[in-house]
Each structure stands twice: as structure tokens, then as C-alpha cells.
């Protein structure tokens, strides 16, 4: 009986070609994934500060003045403490953006600033008294 050698394996060249193809695909895909994440962070930041401004404007109608602190704002938007650590401008980092809130009874300013400019976001959003949103 004749014995046939059944040892089969990939050659070094074949393995290197597969590694090269995988590297090429990763080089194409990873920047696109980072860009999509940055775009999602920016959309989220814009929506969050718009919600804070809307709540502040609603509070001004209800209270007859703007909310002077996070506690007063929280009565109109329950997530206010998550975005506004306090009303003195201290920053809170959420989803790639730092949020800072400045409030008193005459007005407010909410700012969403990227944690790492160009990576987690590329636009700084500011909304001020009257609900005026300004991308910087």
C-alpha cells in the first residue's frame, strides 16, 4: 500500500498576502468609523444643548425669570444635572463633548465643546439666552 503525504499547509507567501489584504481593508474602514462616531457626537451635542435651552426658555415663561441654578432647571428637564454639574461653568464630559452651563435669573449660556478637537468632535456649540444656537 502506497502512503500519500497529506500534510497541507499555507505557505509564508499566502499568509503574507492575506495579512496584507486585511491590513488594507482596516486602513480603509477605521477612518470611516472614526468619522461616523465624530458626526454622531456632534449631533448629540447639538440636540442636548438645544434641549437645555428649550427647558430654560420654558422655565422663564413659567417662573417669570430664567432658572438661576441647575435645581430650578431640573424641574423642566430631568437630565440637567447630567450636563450641568453646577451653574458656575464647571464642565461635564458626556459622549465626547464637555458641557458647561452658566445661568442666572437674567439669562443663560450652554456650551458643548469637543473633548478632543478633531477626534471626538470638530464643532463647538453655544446656545445663549433666547435659544440662539451658534456653532463655532
Protein backbone atom coordinates (compact mmCIF):
# COMPACT_ATOMS: atom_id res chain seq x y z
CA UNK A 1 0.00 0.00 0.00
CA UNK A 2 1.32 3.38 -1.03
CA UNK A 3 1.17 6.09 1.60
CA UNK A 4 0.27 9.59 0.35
CA UNK A 5 1.63 12.59 2.25
CA UNK A 6 -1.47 14.52 3.34
CA UNK A 7 0.28 17.35 5.20
CA UNK A 8 -1.18 20.51 3.78
CA UNK A 9 -0.38 23.99 5.00
CA UNK A 10 -0.33 27.57 3.87
CA UNK A 11 2.92 28.91 2.55
CA UNK A 12 4.51 32.01 4.00
CA UNK A 13 3.66 33.97 0.85
CA UNK A 14 -0.04 33.04 1.10
CA UNK A 15 -0.18 34.10 4.75
CA UNK A 16 1.54 37.40 3.95
CA UNK A 17 -0.94 38.11 1.14
CA UNK A 18 -3.91 37.51 3.49
CA UNK A 19 -2.38 39.76 6.18
CA UNK A 20 -1.79 42.46 3.55
CA UNK A 21 -5.40 42.33 2.37
CA UNK A 22 -6.73 42.53 5.93
CA UNK A 23 -4.44 45.49 6.65
CA UNK A 24 -5.64 47.28 3.54
CA UNK A 25 -9.29 46.78 4.46
CA UNK A 26 -8.64 48.02 8.02
CA UNK A 27 -6.84 51.11 6.69
CA UNK A 28 -9.93 51.96 4.65
CA UNK A 29 -12.57 51.15 7.28
CA UNK A 30 -11.12 52.63 10.51
CA UNK A 31 -11.08 56.31 9.41
CA UNK A 32 -14.69 55.98 8.24
CA UNK A 33 -15.74 54.55 11.60
CA UNK A 34 -14.00 57.38 13.46
CA UNK A 35 -15.69 59.94 11.22
CA UNK A 36 -19.11 58.41 11.86
CA UNK A 37 -18.53 58.46 15.63
CA UNK A 38 -17.48 62.13 15.48
CA UNK A 39 -20.60 63.00 13.46
CA UNK A 40 -22.81 61.17 15.98
CA UNK A 41 -21.15 63.01 18.89
CA UNK A 42 -21.73 66.36 17.17
CA UNK A 43 -25.40 65.62 16.50
CA UNK A 44 -25.88 64.52 20.09
CA UNK A 45 -24.18 67.64 21.49
CA UNK A 46 -26.31 69.91 19.32
CA UNK A 47 -29.52 68.18 20.39
CA UNK A 48 -28.52 68.21 24.07
CA UNK A 49 -27.85 71.92 24.31
CA UNK A 50 -30.98 72.69 22.29
CA UNK A 51 -32.95 70.67 24.84
CA UNK A 52 -31.32 72.56 27.72
CA UNK A 53 -32.13 75.90 26.05
CA UNK A 54 -35.70 74.85 25.38
CA UNK A 55 -36.12 73.89 29.02
CA UNK A 56 -34.61 77.21 30.14
CA UNK A 57 -36.98 79.13 27.88
CA UNK A 58 -39.96 77.12 29.16
CA UNK A 59 -38.82 77.80 32.72
CA UNK A 60 -38.61 81.53 32.02
CA UNK A 61 -42.24 81.58 30.96
CA UNK A 62 -43.34 79.53 33.95
CA UNK A 63 -41.19 81.28 36.57
CA UNK A 64 -41.28 84.78 35.13
CA UNK A 65 -37.45 84.70 35.03
CA UNK A 66 -34.73 82.36 33.86
CA UNK A 67 -33.67 79.48 36.13
CA UNK A 68 -30.85 80.64 38.37
CA UNK A 69 -29.37 77.20 39.01
CA UNK A 70 -29.42 73.57 37.93
CA UNK A 71 -32.02 72.68 40.55
CA UNK A 72 -34.53 75.08 39.05
CA UNK A 73 -33.70 73.92 35.52
CA UNK A 74 -34.08 70.28 36.60
CA UNK A 75 -37.78 70.91 37.22
CA UNK A 76 -38.14 71.42 33.45
CA UNK A 77 -35.59 68.89 32.13
CA UNK A 78 -34.64 65.98 34.34
CA UNK A 79 -31.26 65.42 32.66
CA UNK A 80 -29.98 68.91 33.55
CA UNK A 81 -27.66 67.69 36.36
CA UNK A 82 -26.00 65.27 33.91
CA UNK A 83 -24.98 68.10 31.58
CA UNK A 84 -24.63 70.95 34.06
CA UNK A 85 -22.54 69.85 37.02
CA UNK A 86 -23.29 73.24 38.53
CA UNK A 87 -24.17 76.70 37.28
CA UNK A 88 -20.69 78.19 37.74
CA UNK A 89 -19.40 76.86 34.40
CA UNK A 90 -17.79 73.61 35.56
CA UNK A 91 -17.51 71.18 32.64
CA UNK A 92 -19.08 67.74 32.41
CA UNK A 93 -17.82 65.26 29.75
CA UNK A 94 -20.51 63.17 28.01
CA UNK A 95 -20.27 61.38 24.63
CA UNK A 96 -17.06 63.09 23.55
CA UNK A 97 -18.17 66.61 24.50
CA UNK A 98 -17.58 68.81 27.53
CA UNK A 99 -20.70 70.66 28.63
CA UNK A 100 -20.65 73.84 30.66
CA UNK A 101 -23.64 75.79 31.88
CA UNK A 102 -23.80 79.35 33.14
CA UNK A 103 -27.14 80.52 34.49
CA UNK A 104 -28.67 83.34 36.46
CA UNK A 105 -32.14 84.86 36.64
CA UNK A 106 -31.45 87.16 33.67
CA UNK A 107 -30.17 84.57 31.20
CA UNK A 108 -28.07 81.53 30.44
CA UNK A 109 -25.27 80.18 28.31
CA UNK A 110 -24.78 76.49 27.50
CA UNK A 111 -21.61 75.35 25.71
CA UNK A 112 -20.76 71.95 24.21
CA UNK A 113 -17.05 71.73 23.41
CA UNK A 114 -15.29 68.62 21.97
CA UNK A 115 -13.13 66.75 24.49
CA UNK A 116 -10.51 66.21 21.76
CA UNK A 117 -10.91 68.62 18.86
CA UNK A 118 -10.99 66.74 15.55
CA UNK A 119 -11.38 63.32 17.15
CA UNK A 120 -14.46 63.38 19.39
CA UNK A 121 -15.92 66.39 17.59
CA UNK A 122 -14.94 69.31 15.39
CA UNK A 123 -17.62 71.88 16.25
CA UNK A 124 -18.18 73.84 19.45
CA UNK A 125 -21.85 74.65 20.03
CA UNK A 126 -23.06 77.55 22.14
CA UNK A 127 -26.64 78.47 22.93
CA UNK A 128 -27.45 81.70 24.75
CA UNK A 129 -30.48 83.47 26.17
CA UNK A 130 -33.31 83.39 23.68
CA UNK A 131 -32.33 79.94 22.38
CA UNK A 132 -29.78 81.24 19.86
CA UNK A 133 -27.57 78.33 18.75
CA UNK A 134 -24.15 79.22 17.39
CA UNK A 135 -21.70 76.65 16.02
CA UNK A 136 -18.15 77.94 16.39
